Amino acid sequence: MIMLCPGQGAQHVGMGQAWADYSADAKTVFHRAGEVLDLDLAKLCFEGPEDQLNRTDIAQAAIYTTSVACYRALAGDVDVVATAGLSLGEFTALHLAGAFDFESGLRLVRLRGQAMQDAADASSGSMVALIGADEQQANELCDRAREDGILVPANFNCPGQIVISGSVEACDRAVIVAGEMGLRATALTVAGAFHSPLMQPAADRLARALDDVDWQLPSVKVLSNVTAGPHEDSIDSIKQRLVDQLTSPVRWSESMSWALANLTGEFVELAPGKVLSGLMRRIDRKTKVTNHANPPVEAAS
């Protein structure tokens, strides 16, 4: 199986509760996360409030924990040949491949979320979704709207769906320029300009934290958001790619195209949500992704 791990934006109140009720292993993951973070993460996931769960410094730890809990509940039924995760989900993917233990990954994603939130608070950034654009058009749009600000492609999610990121003024100009280019553009409600140079302070903090982790080479292929291909067999390279990811575009569409061309196996999406299943329908409609947002009905009944 090729295990797909969701990123920020997949969070929702109630996530993971069905898995914790279904599996003692999943429940243990939530309990352990609470101990490590000294935070009732299970309650935030299961009950909210939504505004707290959506905070970058909470959401990333919550999604990572929910995905691992789902995987632990499924572990006896899966034979993993490769893993991939969207942005934050790359940390989940690396953990599932044995690169670091659950606790180390949890501390990393909590710090990553806090660092990204701090970088967002210290800058004036935003993001804009483009519908119907290709990479060349996205780059042209950024060049035309950037002026003296920052504006770069941030997410290549699937064909025709690209997100750009940068300073608020440049993003505002991008919406106008997009209309002139015949593209649909929607300003997003986000904490900051993620996957842009405005996240460099967060990247610097993450780099230091990555050096404190006990690493192992992954046991299966793990796809990199930065290169859209497998990580190299080098821990230093993996760490550098994770740092680069915070200021570079997420090439999810290309990653899935690489997986379709080079890997054999069923695609499985871990909880929470169904974002990655939806993106795959736009990337390759013929490829089915088995979603595990909730346990199988027959097993849970």
Protein backbone atom coordinates (compact mmCIF):
# COMPACT_ATOMS: atom_id res chain seq x y z
CA MET A 1 0.00 0.00 0.00
CA ILE A 2 1.01 3.61 -0.59
CA MET A 3 0.04 5.45 2.60
CA LEU A 4 -1.14 9.05 2.16
CA CYS A 5 -1.00 11.36 5.19
CA PRO A 6 -3.11 14.54 5.34
CA GLY A 7 -1.84 18.03 6.02
CA GLN A 8 -3.15 21.13 7.73
CA GLY A 9 -6.67 22.00 6.67
CA ALA A 10 -7.95 18.44 7.14
CA GLN A 11 -8.70 19.04 10.82
CA HIS A 12 -12.28 19.10 12.09
CA VAL A 13 -13.97 18.76 15.47
CA GLY A 14 -14.66 15.09 16.18
CA MET A 15 -11.69 13.80 14.23
CA GLY A 16 -10.17 10.57 15.49
CA GLN A 17 -12.86 9.87 18.07
CA ALA A 18 -14.35 6.96 16.12
CA TRP A 19 -10.88 5.42 15.80
CA ALA A 20 -10.16 5.87 19.52
CA ASP A 21 -13.48 4.19 20.34
CA TYR A 22 -12.80 1.40 17.84
CA SER A 23 -9.18 0.57 18.72
CA ALA A 24 -7.28 0.41 22.00
CA ASP A 25 -4.09 1.10 20.05
CA ALA A 26 -5.55 4.29 18.60
CA LYS A 27 -6.78 5.38 22.02
CA THR A 28 -3.30 4.86 23.43
CA VAL A 29 -1.83 7.17 20.80
CA PHE A 30 -4.11 10.02 21.89
CA HIS A 31 -3.30 9.35 25.54
CA ARG A 32 0.43 9.37 24.87
CA ALA A 33 0.17 12.60 22.86
CA GLY A 34 -1.52 14.27 25.82
CA GLU A 35 1.31 13.15 28.11
CA VAL A 36 4.06 14.34 25.78
CA LEU A 37 2.51 17.76 25.14
CA ASP A 38 0.98 18.22 28.60
CA LEU A 39 -2.20 19.07 26.74
CA ASP A 40 -5.61 17.34 26.45
CA LEU A 41 -5.20 16.89 22.72
CA ALA A 42 -7.85 14.17 22.58
CA LYS A 43 -10.48 16.56 23.96
CA LEU A 44 -9.50 19.25 21.45
CA CYS A 45 -9.77 16.74 18.59
CA PHE A 46 -13.01 15.16 19.76
CA GLU A 47 -14.83 18.19 21.19
CA GLY A 48 -13.05 21.35 20.07
CA PRO A 49 -13.61 24.25 20.33
CA GLU A 50 -13.11 24.68 16.62
CA ASP A 51 -11.23 27.98 16.87
CA GLN A 52 -8.58 26.40 19.08
CA LEU A 53 -8.30 23.27 16.96
CA ASN A 54 -7.76 25.41 13.86
CA ARG A 55 -4.79 27.25 15.37
CA THR A 56 -1.63 26.32 13.50
CA ASP A 57 0.21 25.39 16.71
CA ILE A 58 -2.61 22.97 17.69
CA ALA A 59 -3.84 21.71 14.33
CA GLN A 60 -0.51 20.25 13.21
CA ALA A 61 -0.04 18.15 16.36
CA ALA A 62 -3.70 17.12 16.24
CA ILE A 63 -3.56 15.95 12.63
CA TYR A 64 -0.29 14.07 13.14
CA THR A 65 -1.71 12.31 16.21
CA THR A 66 -4.99 11.41 14.50
CA SER A 67 -3.20 10.01 11.44
CA VAL A 68 -0.86 7.89 13.57
CA ALA A 69 -3.78 6.66 15.69
CA CYS A 70 -5.61 5.62 12.52
CA TYR A 71 -2.50 3.84 11.23
CA ARG A 72 -1.96 1.99 14.51
CA ALA A 73 -5.54 0.74 14.39
CA LEU A 74 -5.00 -0.50 10.83
CA ALA A 75 -1.43 -1.72 11.27
CA GLY A 76 -2.22 -5.43 11.20
CA ASP A 77 -3.99 -5.06 7.85
CA VAL A 78 -1.50 -2.96 5.89
CA ASP A 79 1.71 -3.74 4.03
CA VAL A 80 3.29 -0.38 3.33
CA VAL A 81 5.55 0.02 0.27
CA ALA A 82 5.78 3.83 0.34
CA THR A 83 4.43 6.83 2.22
CA ALA A 84 3.66 10.42 1.28
CA GLY A 85 2.22 13.35 3.18
CA LEU A 86 0.94 16.76 2.21
CA SER A 87 3.14 19.41 3.85
CA LEU A 88 2.75 18.62 7.58
CA GLY A 89 1.80 15.07 6.54
CA GLU A 90 5.38 14.47 5.38
CA PHE A 91 6.34 14.21 9.06
CA THR A 92 3.66 11.55 9.56
CA ALA A 93 4.91 9.76 6.47
CA LEU A 94 8.48 9.74 7.79
CA HIS A 95 7.36 8.43 11.18
CA LEU A 96 5.40 5.60 9.56
CA ALA A 97 8.54 4.72 7.60
CA GLY A 98 10.54 4.47 10.84
CA ALA A 99 12.61 7.66 10.50
CA PHE A 100 11.81 8.72 14.09
CA ASP A 101 9.56 7.63 16.92
CA PHE A 102 6.06 8.95 17.57
CA GLU A 103 7.09 11.21 20.42
CA SER A 104 9.91 12.85 18.47
CA GLY A 105 7.62 13.48 15.52
CA LEU A 106 4.95 14.94 17.79
CA ARG A 107 7.39 17.38 19.37
CA LEU A 108 8.66 18.37 15.92
CA VAL A 109 5.23 19.09 14.47
CA ARG A 110 4.20 21.01 17.59
CA LEU A 111 7.32 23.17 17.32
CA ARG A 112 6.81 23.51 13.56
CA GLY A 113 3.26 24.73 14.10
CA GLN A 114 4.32 27.17 16.80
CA ALA A 115 7.21 28.46 14.65
CA MET A 116 4.94 28.94 11.64
CA GLN A 117 2.36 30.76 13.76
CA ASP A 118 5.05 33.01 15.22
CA ALA A 119 6.44 33.76 11.74
CA ALA A 120 2.94 34.56 10.53
CA ASP A 121 2.31 36.88 13.49
CA ALA A 122 5.59 38.69 12.82
CA SER A 123 4.78 39.35 9.14
CA SER A 124 1.84 40.49 7.06
CA GLY A 125 1.11 37.55 4.81
CA SER A 126 -1.74 35.87 3.00
CA MET A 127 -2.51 33.21 0.36
CA VAL A 128 -4.65 33.09 -2.78
CA ALA A 129 -6.14 30.04 -4.50
CA LEU A 130 -6.00 29.98 -8.31
CA ILE A 131 -8.47 27.83 -10.22
CA GLY A 132 -7.66 26.83 -13.78
CA ALA A 133 -4.05 27.99 -13.77
CA ASP A 134 -0.98 25.99 -14.72
CA GLU A 135 2.52 26.51 -13.27
CA GLN A 136 3.61 28.86 -16.03
CA GLN A 137 0.55 31.06 -15.52
CA ALA A 138 1.03 31.03 -11.74
CA ASN A 139 4.62 32.18 -12.14
CA GLU A 140 3.59 34.90 -14.61
CA LEU A 141 0.88 36.08 -12.23
CA CYS A 142 3.36 36.27 -9.34
CA ASP A 143 5.85 38.20 -11.47
CA ARG A 144 3.19 40.72 -12.52
CA ALA A 145 1.64 41.22 -9.07
CA ARG A 146 4.72 41.01 -6.83
CA GLU A 147 6.13 44.53 -7.32
CA ASP A 148 8.23 45.24 -4.17
CA GLY A 149 6.49 42.58 -2.08
CA ILE A 150 6.79 38.80 -1.81
CA LEU A 151 4.62 36.52 -3.96
CA VAL A 152 5.42 32.92 -4.94
CA PRO A 153 3.62 29.67 -5.82
CA ALA A 154 3.06 27.72 -2.59
CA ASN A 155 0.99 24.63 -3.39
CA PHE A 156 0.60 22.66 -6.60
CA ASN A 157 -2.26 20.51 -5.31
CA CYS A 158 -3.69 19.06 -8.51
CA PRO A 159 -4.13 20.12 -12.14
CA GLY A 160 -5.88 23.48 -12.21
CA GLN A 161 -5.56 24.10 -8.47
CA ILE A 162 -2.58 26.18 -7.37
CA VAL A 163 -2.14 28.34 -4.27
CA ILE A 164 0.15 31.37 -4.20
CA SER A 165 1.55 32.95 -1.06
CA GLY A 166 3.16 36.20 0.01
CA SER A 167 2.70 39.66 1.45
CA VAL A 168 -0.88 40.88 1.87
CA GLU A 169 -0.51 43.74 -0.62
CA ALA A 170 0.93 41.44 -3.28
CA CYS A 171 -1.86 38.90 -2.72
CA ASP A 172 -4.45 41.67 -3.10
CA ARG A 173 -2.84 42.69 -6.40
CA ALA A 174 -2.76 39.05 -7.49
CA VAL A 175 -6.55 38.77 -7.29
CA ILE A 176 -6.87 41.76 -9.64
CA VAL A 177 -4.19 40.55 -12.05
CA ALA A 178 -5.73 37.07 -12.10
CA GLY A 179 -8.96 38.58 -13.41
CA GLU A 180 -7.01 40.37 -16.14
CA MET A 181 -5.45 37.02 -17.09
CA GLY A 182 -8.82 35.27 -17.18
CA LEU A 183 -8.12 33.21 -14.06
CA ARG A 184 -10.33 32.67 -11.03
CA ALA A 185 -8.66 33.74 -7.78
CA THR A 186 -9.94 33.56 -4.21
CA ALA A 187 -8.20 35.04 -1.18
CA LEU A 188 -7.89 32.40 1.56
CA THR A 189 -8.51 32.85 5.26
CA VAL A 190 -5.15 31.72 6.63
CA ALA A 191 -2.83 32.67 9.48
CA GLY A 192 0.02 33.69 7.19
CA ALA A 193 2.01 33.24 4.00
CA PHE A 194 2.93 29.56 4.34
CA HIS A 195 5.49 27.99 1.97
CA SER A 196 6.95 31.39 1.13
CA PRO A 197 10.10 33.29 2.15
CA LEU A 198 8.09 34.86 4.98
CA MET A 199 8.39 31.49 6.74
CA GLN A 200 12.20 31.64 6.89
CA PRO A 201 12.25 32.31 10.68
CA ALA A 202 10.19 29.15 11.16
CA ALA A 203 12.53 27.20 8.88
CA ASP A 204 15.52 28.30 10.96
CA ARG A 205 13.84 27.12 14.19
CA LEU A 206 12.84 23.82 12.63
CA ALA A 207 16.40 23.20 11.41
CA ARG A 208 17.72 23.42 14.96
CA ALA A 209 15.00 21.09 16.30
CA LEU A 210 15.63 18.48 13.60
CA ASP A 211 19.22 18.14 14.79
CA ASP A 212 17.99 17.07 18.24
CA VAL A 213 16.10 14.03 16.94
CA ASP A 214 17.34 10.44 16.88
CA TRP A 215 17.01 9.61 13.17
CA GLN A 216 16.97 6.35 11.22
CA LEU A 217 16.87 5.94 7.47
CA PRO A 218 13.28 5.24 6.33
CA SER A 219 12.46 1.59 5.74
CA VAL A 220 10.33 2.38 2.66
CA LYS A 221 10.26 5.17 0.08
CA VAL A 222 8.99 8.50 1.44
CA LEU A 223 8.08 11.19 -1.07
CA SER A 224 9.38 14.73 -0.62
CA ASN A 225 7.08 17.70 -1.15
CA VAL A 226 10.03 19.78 -2.35
CA THR A 227 11.38 17.44 -5.04
CA ALA A 228 8.17 15.44 -5.81
CA GLY A 229 10.28 12.28 -5.68
CA PRO A 230 11.60 9.94 -2.97
CA HIS A 231 13.89 11.23 -0.28
CA GLU A 232 17.53 10.29 -0.74
CA ASP A 233 19.17 7.72 1.54
CA SER A 234 20.72 10.49 3.60
CA ILE A 235 19.43 11.78 6.92
CA ASP A 236 21.10 15.15 6.32
CA SER A 237 19.28 15.42 3.00
CA ILE A 238 15.93 14.51 4.56
CA LYS A 239 16.35 17.16 7.24
CA GLN A 240 17.30 19.79 4.67
CA ARG A 241 14.24 18.98 2.55
CA LEU A 242 11.97 19.40 5.59
CA VAL A 243 13.53 22.81 6.26
CA ASP A 244 13.27 23.80 2.59
CA GLN A 245 9.63 22.74 2.55
CA LEU A 246 8.60 25.67 4.76
CA THR A 247 9.72 28.23 2.17
CA SER A 248 9.24 26.17 -1.03
CA PRO A 249 6.14 25.09 -2.95
CA VAL A 250 4.45 21.81 -2.08
CA ARG A 251 4.50 19.73 -5.27
CA TRP A 252 1.75 17.28 -4.36
CA SER A 253 0.39 16.81 -7.87
CA GLU A 254 3.85 15.90 -9.17
CA SER A 255 4.45 13.62 -6.19
CA MET A 256 1.32 11.63 -6.95
CA SER A 257 2.21 11.48 -10.65
CA TRP A 258 5.62 10.06 -9.68
CA ALA A 259 3.95 7.50 -7.41
CA LEU A 260 1.50 6.45 -10.14
CA ALA A 261 4.38 5.95 -12.59
CA ASN A 262 6.83 4.21 -10.25
CA LEU A 263 4.98 2.42 -7.44
CA THR A 264 2.69 -0.57 -7.33
CA GLY A 265 0.00 -0.89 -4.70
CA GLU A 266 -3.28 0.46 -3.39
CA PHE A 267 -3.44 4.07 -2.27
CA VAL A 268 -4.74 4.51 1.28
CA GLU A 269 -5.57 7.83 2.97
CA LEU A 270 -5.34 8.04 6.74
CA ALA A 271 -7.62 10.11 8.95
CA PRO A 272 -8.58 12.91 9.27
CA GLY A 273 -10.70 13.99 6.33
CA LYS A 274 -10.83 13.13 2.64
CA VAL A 275 -8.74 15.93 1.12
CA LEU A 276 -6.15 13.67 -0.52
CA SER A 277 -8.79 11.35 -2.00
CA GLY A 278 -10.38 14.40 -3.59
CA LEU A 279 -7.08 15.64 -5.01
CA MET A 280 -6.34 12.23 -6.53
CA ARG A 281 -9.63 12.36 -8.42
CA ARG A 282 -8.32 15.51 -10.09
CA ILE A 283 -4.81 14.09 -10.65
CA ASP A 284 -5.85 10.69 -12.01
CA ARG A 285 -9.56 9.84 -12.00
CA LYS A 286 -8.88 6.15 -12.66
CA THR A 287 -6.92 5.71 -9.43
CA LYS A 288 -8.99 4.80 -6.37
CA VAL A 289 -7.89 5.93 -2.91
CA THR A 290 -9.29 4.00 0.03
CA ASN A 291 -10.16 6.57 2.69
CA HIS A 292 -10.01 5.82 6.42
CA ALA A 293 -11.51 8.96 7.95
CA ASN A 294 -13.56 6.55 10.07
CA PRO A 295 -13.36 2.82 10.92
CA PRO A 296 -15.25 0.40 8.68
CA VAL A 297 -18.96 0.42 9.58
CA GLU A 298 -19.24 -3.33 9.80
CA ALA A 299 -16.27 -3.53 12.17
CA ALA A 300 -17.47 -0.72 14.40
CA SER A 301 -21.04 -2.03 14.71
